[in-house]
């Protein structure tokens, strides 16, 4: 019998949850996704140094204040990394908008356009690029406009059903519900030390979203993310996409047990009837979900902090504006 990773690939598109070029080359996933945290780790490697130098040189050429040059340099670094990744995978790469813009629709749209413009100038097929945006109300509205312009979006930091409904109604290309972080919250707030995979609240959440999308005819792709163990992955076998860390990819490859399909469009059923969400309904439903409210806020803070650290690292290594 083939290993579980190979079995998974027959029913789900496997995405590499890493910005490490060597790891992507090793695992050869269909797609790859990055975020400021992953990019921060990768940027310290020698493989990224030529990209860093190129980003800084171009930022200086474009001019502007020190702060503007720094923002351009970090955006260019992300785009250059994305171009390298696209040379290693046959599918898509996700590049994230600065998390500090998560509550500013106009600024998110402008930054997304700039990222796509950088890709275009580098000769990259922008149809292979997804722009990652936090699934706040403002981020979802930005994605709605960007999708109309042909810029496909990956709505990230998604923890609740209400976020998923709003994303689908906005026409988002893809969502990334965070399975493991949902589990983290429930473990921290329940006093339990473990939860069986079949009862895992992150797994239950993604299963509900997947079934709702398929049963209601939404085209938005569901990509489970942020896994803590292989059990979560196995319970979501058949999901459209799953983005998996190298460590868990290895664990799946080492396991030669049988992997049954858990999710399928043909078997999708739902009793959920939410539709036509407005801002008030969205904000109230999110407010009523303590886990989603806390994890969304925490996720934005973490990504924003890593973005700031990345900027400091760029300044330190390349002396941008210095």
Protein backbone atom coordinates (compact mmCIF):
# COMPACT_ATOMS: atom_id res chain seq x y z
CA UNK A 1 0.00 0.00 0.00
CA UNK A 2 1.25 3.50 -0.80
CA UNK A 3 1.99 5.86 2.07
CA UNK A 4 -0.66 8.22 3.42
CA UNK A 5 0.85 11.25 1.70
CA UNK A 6 0.51 9.63 -1.71
CA UNK A 7 -3.01 8.48 -0.86
CA UNK A 8 -3.92 12.01 0.25
CA UNK A 9 -2.68 13.46 -3.04
CA UNK A 10 -5.22 11.34 -4.94
CA UNK A 11 -8.11 13.20 -3.31
CA UNK A 12 -6.73 16.54 -2.07
CA UNK A 13 -4.32 19.14 -3.45
CA UNK A 14 -1.34 19.20 -1.09
CA UNK A 15 0.17 22.62 -0.41
CA UNK A 16 3.50 23.27 1.35
CA UNK A 17 3.13 25.47 4.42
CA UNK A 18 6.65 26.87 4.31
CA UNK A 19 8.79 29.53 2.70
CA UNK A 20 11.92 27.34 2.83
CA UNK A 21 13.03 26.85 -0.77
CA UNK A 22 14.91 23.65 0.01
CA UNK A 23 11.87 22.14 1.70
CA UNK A 24 9.63 23.08 -1.21
CA UNK A 25 12.11 21.57 -3.67
CA UNK A 26 12.20 18.39 -1.58
CA UNK A 27 8.45 17.93 -1.18
CA UNK A 28 7.32 19.18 -4.61
CA UNK A 29 3.81 20.19 -3.57
CA UNK A 30 1.22 21.45 -6.03
CA UNK A 31 1.06 24.90 -4.41
CA UNK A 32 2.85 26.80 -1.66
CA UNK A 33 1.66 29.34 0.85
CA UNK A 34 3.66 31.78 2.95
CA UNK A 35 2.96 34.34 5.63
CA UNK A 36 5.14 36.92 7.44
CA UNK A 37 6.12 34.35 10.09
CA UNK A 38 7.34 31.83 7.50
CA UNK A 39 9.02 34.50 5.40
CA UNK A 40 10.81 35.83 8.47
CA UNK A 41 12.32 32.41 9.14
CA UNK A 42 13.29 31.90 5.51
CA UNK A 43 14.79 35.37 5.05
CA UNK A 44 17.63 34.52 7.43
CA UNK A 45 18.89 31.81 5.05
CA UNK A 46 21.60 32.34 2.44
CA UNK A 47 19.15 31.33 -0.30
CA UNK A 48 17.22 34.54 0.33
CA UNK A 49 20.21 36.91 0.46
CA UNK A 50 20.32 37.66 -3.30
CA UNK A 51 16.58 38.39 -3.21
CA UNK A 52 17.06 40.67 -0.23
CA UNK A 53 19.80 42.60 -2.02
CA UNK A 54 17.68 42.93 -5.16
CA UNK A 55 14.66 44.11 -3.16
CA UNK A 56 16.68 46.75 -1.37
CA UNK A 57 18.34 48.00 -4.57
CA UNK A 58 14.99 48.33 -6.31
CA UNK A 59 13.40 50.04 -3.30
CA UNK A 60 16.18 52.61 -3.24
CA UNK A 61 15.77 53.20 -6.96
CA UNK A 62 12.06 53.86 -6.50
CA UNK A 63 12.83 56.49 -3.86
CA UNK A 64 10.55 57.89 -1.21
CA UNK A 65 10.96 58.19 2.53
CA UNK A 66 12.86 55.64 4.59
CA UNK A 67 9.58 54.10 5.72
CA UNK A 68 8.27 53.89 2.16
CA UNK A 69 11.50 52.29 0.94
CA UNK A 70 11.33 49.76 3.75
CA UNK A 71 7.73 48.83 2.94
CA UNK A 72 8.59 48.47 -0.76
CA UNK A 73 11.66 46.36 0.03
CA UNK A 74 9.71 43.90 2.19
CA UNK A 75 6.94 43.65 -0.41
CA UNK A 76 9.52 43.05 -3.12
CA UNK A 77 11.23 40.42 -0.99
CA UNK A 78 7.91 38.57 -0.65
CA UNK A 79 7.32 38.80 -4.40
CA UNK A 80 10.84 37.66 -5.28
CA UNK A 81 10.40 34.73 -2.91
CA UNK A 82 7.07 33.98 -4.55
CA UNK A 83 8.72 33.95 -7.97
CA UNK A 84 11.33 31.48 -6.75
CA UNK A 85 8.65 29.28 -5.24
CA UNK A 86 6.67 29.30 -8.49
CA UNK A 87 9.74 27.89 -10.18
CA UNK A 88 9.48 24.89 -7.86
CA UNK A 89 5.73 24.21 -7.85
CA UNK A 90 3.36 23.75 -10.80
CA UNK A 91 0.45 25.56 -9.18
CA UNK A 92 -0.10 28.66 -7.07
CA UNK A 93 1.69 30.73 -4.46
CA UNK A 94 0.08 32.97 -1.85
CA UNK A 95 1.63 36.33 -0.92
CA UNK A 96 0.29 38.19 2.10
CA UNK A 97 -0.75 41.80 2.50
CA UNK A 98 0.72 43.55 5.54
CA UNK A 99 -1.45 42.50 8.49
CA UNK A 100 -1.39 46.05 9.84
CA UNK A 101 -3.81 46.91 7.01
CA UNK A 102 -6.38 44.32 8.13
CA UNK A 103 -8.97 46.96 9.08
CA UNK A 104 -8.45 49.26 6.09
CA UNK A 105 -10.22 48.16 2.92
CA UNK A 106 -8.75 50.81 0.63
CA UNK A 107 -5.18 50.34 1.85
CA UNK A 108 -5.51 46.56 1.48
CA UNK A 109 -6.68 46.95 -2.12
CA UNK A 110 -3.84 49.34 -2.91
CA UNK A 111 -1.22 47.04 -1.37
CA UNK A 112 -2.61 44.00 -3.19
CA UNK A 113 -2.46 45.86 -6.50
CA UNK A 114 1.14 46.79 -5.78
CA UNK A 115 2.11 43.20 -5.03
CA UNK A 116 0.49 41.98 -8.22
CA UNK A 117 2.16 44.82 -10.13
CA UNK A 118 5.56 43.73 -8.82
CA UNK A 119 4.88 40.17 -9.95
CA UNK A 120 3.83 41.42 -13.38
CA UNK A 121 7.02 43.50 -13.73
CA UNK A 122 9.07 40.39 -12.97
CA UNK A 123 7.34 38.55 -15.80
CA UNK A 124 5.38 36.23 -13.50
CA UNK A 125 2.00 34.91 -14.62
CA UNK A 126 -0.18 36.73 -12.09
CA UNK A 127 -2.87 34.10 -12.58
CA UNK A 128 -0.66 31.86 -10.43
CA UNK A 129 -0.60 34.33 -7.54
CA UNK A 130 -3.08 34.53 -4.67
CA UNK A 131 -3.14 37.60 -2.46
CA UNK A 132 -3.58 36.67 1.20
CA UNK A 133 -5.84 38.95 3.21
CA UNK A 134 -7.09 38.59 6.78
CA UNK A 135 -10.77 37.60 6.91
CA UNK A 136 -11.94 40.73 8.73
CA UNK A 137 -15.01 42.53 7.42
CA UNK A 138 -12.70 45.08 5.80
CA UNK A 139 -10.45 42.39 4.35
CA UNK A 140 -13.40 40.52 2.87
CA UNK A 141 -14.69 43.71 1.24
CA UNK A 142 -11.22 44.31 -0.21
CA UNK A 143 -11.15 40.78 -1.58
CA UNK A 144 -14.58 41.29 -3.13
CA UNK A 145 -13.25 44.25 -5.14
CA UNK A 146 -9.97 42.56 -6.01
CA UNK A 147 -11.74 39.46 -7.32
CA UNK A 148 -13.77 41.70 -9.64
CA UNK A 149 -10.46 43.04 -10.97
CA UNK A 150 -9.15 39.53 -11.64
CA UNK A 151 -6.87 39.43 -8.59
CA UNK A 152 -7.57 36.15 -6.84
CA UNK A 153 -7.52 36.14 -3.05
CA UNK A 154 -6.76 33.76 -0.21
CA UNK A 155 -8.73 34.80 2.89
CA UNK A 156 -6.63 33.80 5.89
CA UNK A 157 -6.97 33.84 9.68
CA UNK A 158 -10.39 32.27 9.29
CA UNK A 159 -11.78 30.69 12.45
CA UNK A 160 -15.56 30.83 12.18
CA UNK A 161 -18.44 29.74 10.01
CA UNK A 162 -19.65 33.32 9.70
CA UNK A 163 -16.31 34.39 8.22
CA UNK A 164 -16.53 31.52 5.73
CA UNK A 165 -20.04 32.48 4.65
CA UNK A 166 -19.05 36.12 4.14
CA UNK A 167 -16.00 35.09 2.09
CA UNK A 168 -18.04 32.86 -0.20
CA UNK A 169 -20.69 35.52 -0.72
CA UNK A 170 -17.92 37.99 -1.60
CA UNK A 171 -16.66 35.64 -4.30
CA UNK A 172 -13.29 34.88 -2.67
CA UNK A 173 -11.25 32.36 -4.62
CA UNK A 174 -9.97 30.50 -1.54
CA UNK A 175 -10.20 30.46 2.24
CA UNK A 176 -7.69 29.14 4.78
CA UNK A 177 -9.47 28.00 7.95
CA UNK A 178 -6.94 27.48 10.75
CA UNK A 179 -7.59 24.03 12.18
CA UNK A 180 -4.82 23.81 14.77
CA UNK A 181 -5.31 27.26 16.24
CA UNK A 182 -8.98 26.44 16.84
CA UNK A 183 -7.87 23.32 18.70
CA UNK A 184 -5.34 25.37 20.69
CA UNK A 185 -8.08 27.67 21.99
CA UNK A 186 -10.38 24.84 23.00
CA UNK A 187 -7.62 23.00 24.82
CA UNK A 188 -6.60 26.16 26.64
CA UNK A 189 -10.17 26.94 27.67
CA UNK A 190 -11.49 23.47 28.46
CA UNK A 191 -8.87 22.10 30.81
CA UNK A 192 -8.42 19.09 28.52
CA UNK A 193 -4.97 18.00 27.36
CA UNK A 194 -6.13 16.32 24.16
CA UNK A 195 -9.17 15.87 21.95
CA UNK A 196 -9.69 12.92 19.57
CA UNK A 197 -9.27 13.84 15.90
CA UNK A 198 -12.89 13.01 15.09
CA UNK A 199 -14.04 15.48 17.76
CA UNK A 200 -11.36 18.10 17.06
CA UNK A 201 -13.21 21.46 16.91
CA UNK A 202 -10.97 22.65 14.06
CA UNK A 203 -11.82 19.55 12.04
CA UNK A 204 -15.52 19.95 12.84
CA UNK A 205 -15.40 23.61 11.74
CA UNK A 206 -13.73 22.91 8.39
CA UNK A 207 -16.04 19.96 7.72
CA UNK A 208 -19.07 22.19 8.30
CA UNK A 209 -17.70 24.88 5.98
CA UNK A 210 -16.78 22.39 3.26
CA UNK A 211 -20.22 20.77 3.33
CA UNK A 212 -21.95 24.16 3.27
CA UNK A 213 -19.95 25.34 0.27
CA UNK A 214 -20.49 22.18 -1.73
CA UNK A 215 -24.17 21.78 -0.85
CA UNK A 216 -24.92 25.46 -1.60
CA UNK A 217 -22.91 25.56 -4.82
CA UNK A 218 -20.18 28.02 -3.81
CA UNK A 219 -16.99 27.83 -5.87
CA UNK A 220 -14.71 29.15 -3.11
CA UNK A 221 -11.90 26.67 -2.45
CA UNK A 222 -11.49 25.35 1.10
CA UNK A 223 -7.85 24.93 2.17
CA UNK A 224 -7.41 23.63 5.69
CA UNK A 225 -4.34 25.10 7.40
CA UNK A 226 -2.40 25.26 10.68
CA UNK A 227 -2.36 21.57 11.58
CA UNK A 228 -1.11 20.27 14.89
CA UNK A 229 -1.05 16.55 14.06
CA UNK A 230 -1.66 14.10 11.23
CA UNK A 231 -4.97 13.02 12.75
CA UNK A 232 -6.47 16.40 11.86
CA UNK A 233 -5.22 16.03 8.29
CA UNK A 234 -6.58 12.52 7.95
CA UNK A 235 -10.02 13.58 9.15
CA UNK A 236 -10.10 16.18 6.35
CA UNK A 237 -8.91 13.89 3.55
CA UNK A 238 -10.84 14.93 0.45
CA UNK A 239 -10.91 18.64 1.32
CA UNK A 240 -10.13 20.80 -1.72
CA UNK A 241 -6.65 21.69 -0.48
CA UNK A 242 -4.63 21.20 2.70
CA UNK A 243 -1.51 23.25 3.48
CA UNK A 244 0.87 21.12 5.52
CA UNK A 245 4.21 21.74 7.22
CA UNK A 246 7.27 19.72 6.16
CA UNK A 247 7.31 17.86 9.49
CA UNK A 248 3.75 16.61 9.03
CA UNK A 249 4.37 15.83 5.35
CA UNK A 250 7.18 13.56 6.52
CA UNK A 251 4.94 11.92 9.11
CA UNK A 252 2.34 11.15 6.44
CA UNK A 253 5.00 9.77 4.10
CA UNK A 254 6.27 7.46 6.85
CA UNK A 255 2.79 6.04 7.52
CA UNK A 256 1.68 3.22 5.22
CA UNK A 257 -1.74 2.67 6.74
CA UNK A 258 -4.99 3.09 4.84
CA UNK A 259 -6.32 6.64 4.43
CA UNK A 260 -10.09 6.73 3.78
CA UNK A 261 -11.71 9.74 2.13
CA UNK A 262 -13.70 11.80 4.63
CA UNK A 263 -15.00 14.72 2.55
CA UNK A 264 -16.62 14.60 -0.87
CA UNK A 265 -18.78 17.03 -2.88
CA UNK A 266 -21.24 14.25 -3.67
CA UNK A 267 -21.76 13.47 0.01
CA UNK A 268 -21.99 17.10 1.15
CA UNK A 269 -25.10 17.98 3.15
CA UNK A 270 -25.94 21.05 5.22
CA UNK A 271 -28.76 22.43 7.32
CA UNK A 272 -27.16 25.90 7.46
CA UNK A 273 -29.17 28.56 5.65
CA UNK A 274 -27.24 31.78 6.27
CA UNK A 275 -27.29 34.18 3.34
CA UNK A 276 -27.13 37.88 2.56
CA UNK A 277 -24.90 38.86 5.46
CA UNK A 278 -24.54 42.57 6.14
CA UNK A 279 -21.84 44.19 8.26
CA UNK A 280 -23.92 44.32 11.42
CA UNK A 281 -24.86 40.64 11.25
CA UNK A 282 -21.26 39.65 10.52
CA UNK A 283 -19.80 41.66 13.38
CA UNK A 284 -22.41 40.46 15.86
CA UNK A 285 -21.98 36.78 14.95
CA UNK A 286 -18.19 37.10 15.16
CA UNK A 287 -18.51 38.88 18.51
CA UNK A 288 -20.65 36.02 19.82
CA UNK A 289 -17.89 33.53 18.94
CA UNK A 290 -15.26 34.10 21.62
CA UNK A 291 -12.78 31.67 20.05
CA UNK A 292 -12.94 33.26 16.60
CA UNK A 293 -12.79 36.79 17.98
CA UNK A 294 -9.76 36.05 20.12
CA UNK A 295 -7.87 33.97 17.55
CA UNK A 296 -8.49 36.46 14.74
CA UNK A 297 -7.17 39.33 16.86
CA UNK A 298 -4.23 37.27 18.06
CA UNK A 299 -3.39 36.13 14.53
CA UNK A 300 -3.36 39.68 13.20
CA UNK A 301 -1.14 40.79 16.07
CA UNK A 302 1.28 37.93 15.45
CA UNK A 303 1.54 38.53 11.71
CA UNK A 304 1.90 42.28 12.28
CA UNK A 305 4.66 41.70 14.84
CA UNK A 306 6.49 39.38 12.45
CA UNK A 307 6.12 41.95 9.69
CA UNK A 308 7.74 44.56 11.93
CA UNK A 309 10.53 42.12 12.82
CA UNK A 310 11.06 41.36 9.13
CA UNK A 311 11.35 45.07 8.42
CA UNK A 312 13.92 45.43 11.21
CA UNK A 313 15.83 42.50 9.76
CA UNK A 314 15.81 44.04 6.29
CA UNK A 315 17.02 47.32 7.75
CA UNK A 316 19.71 45.57 9.76
CA UNK A 317 21.02 43.37 6.96
CA UNK A 318 20.70 45.79 4.08
CA UNK A 319 20.65 49.12 5.90
CA UNK A 320 17.61 50.35 4.02
CA UNK A 321 17.24 54.05 4.64
CA UNK A 322 20.22 53.87 6.91
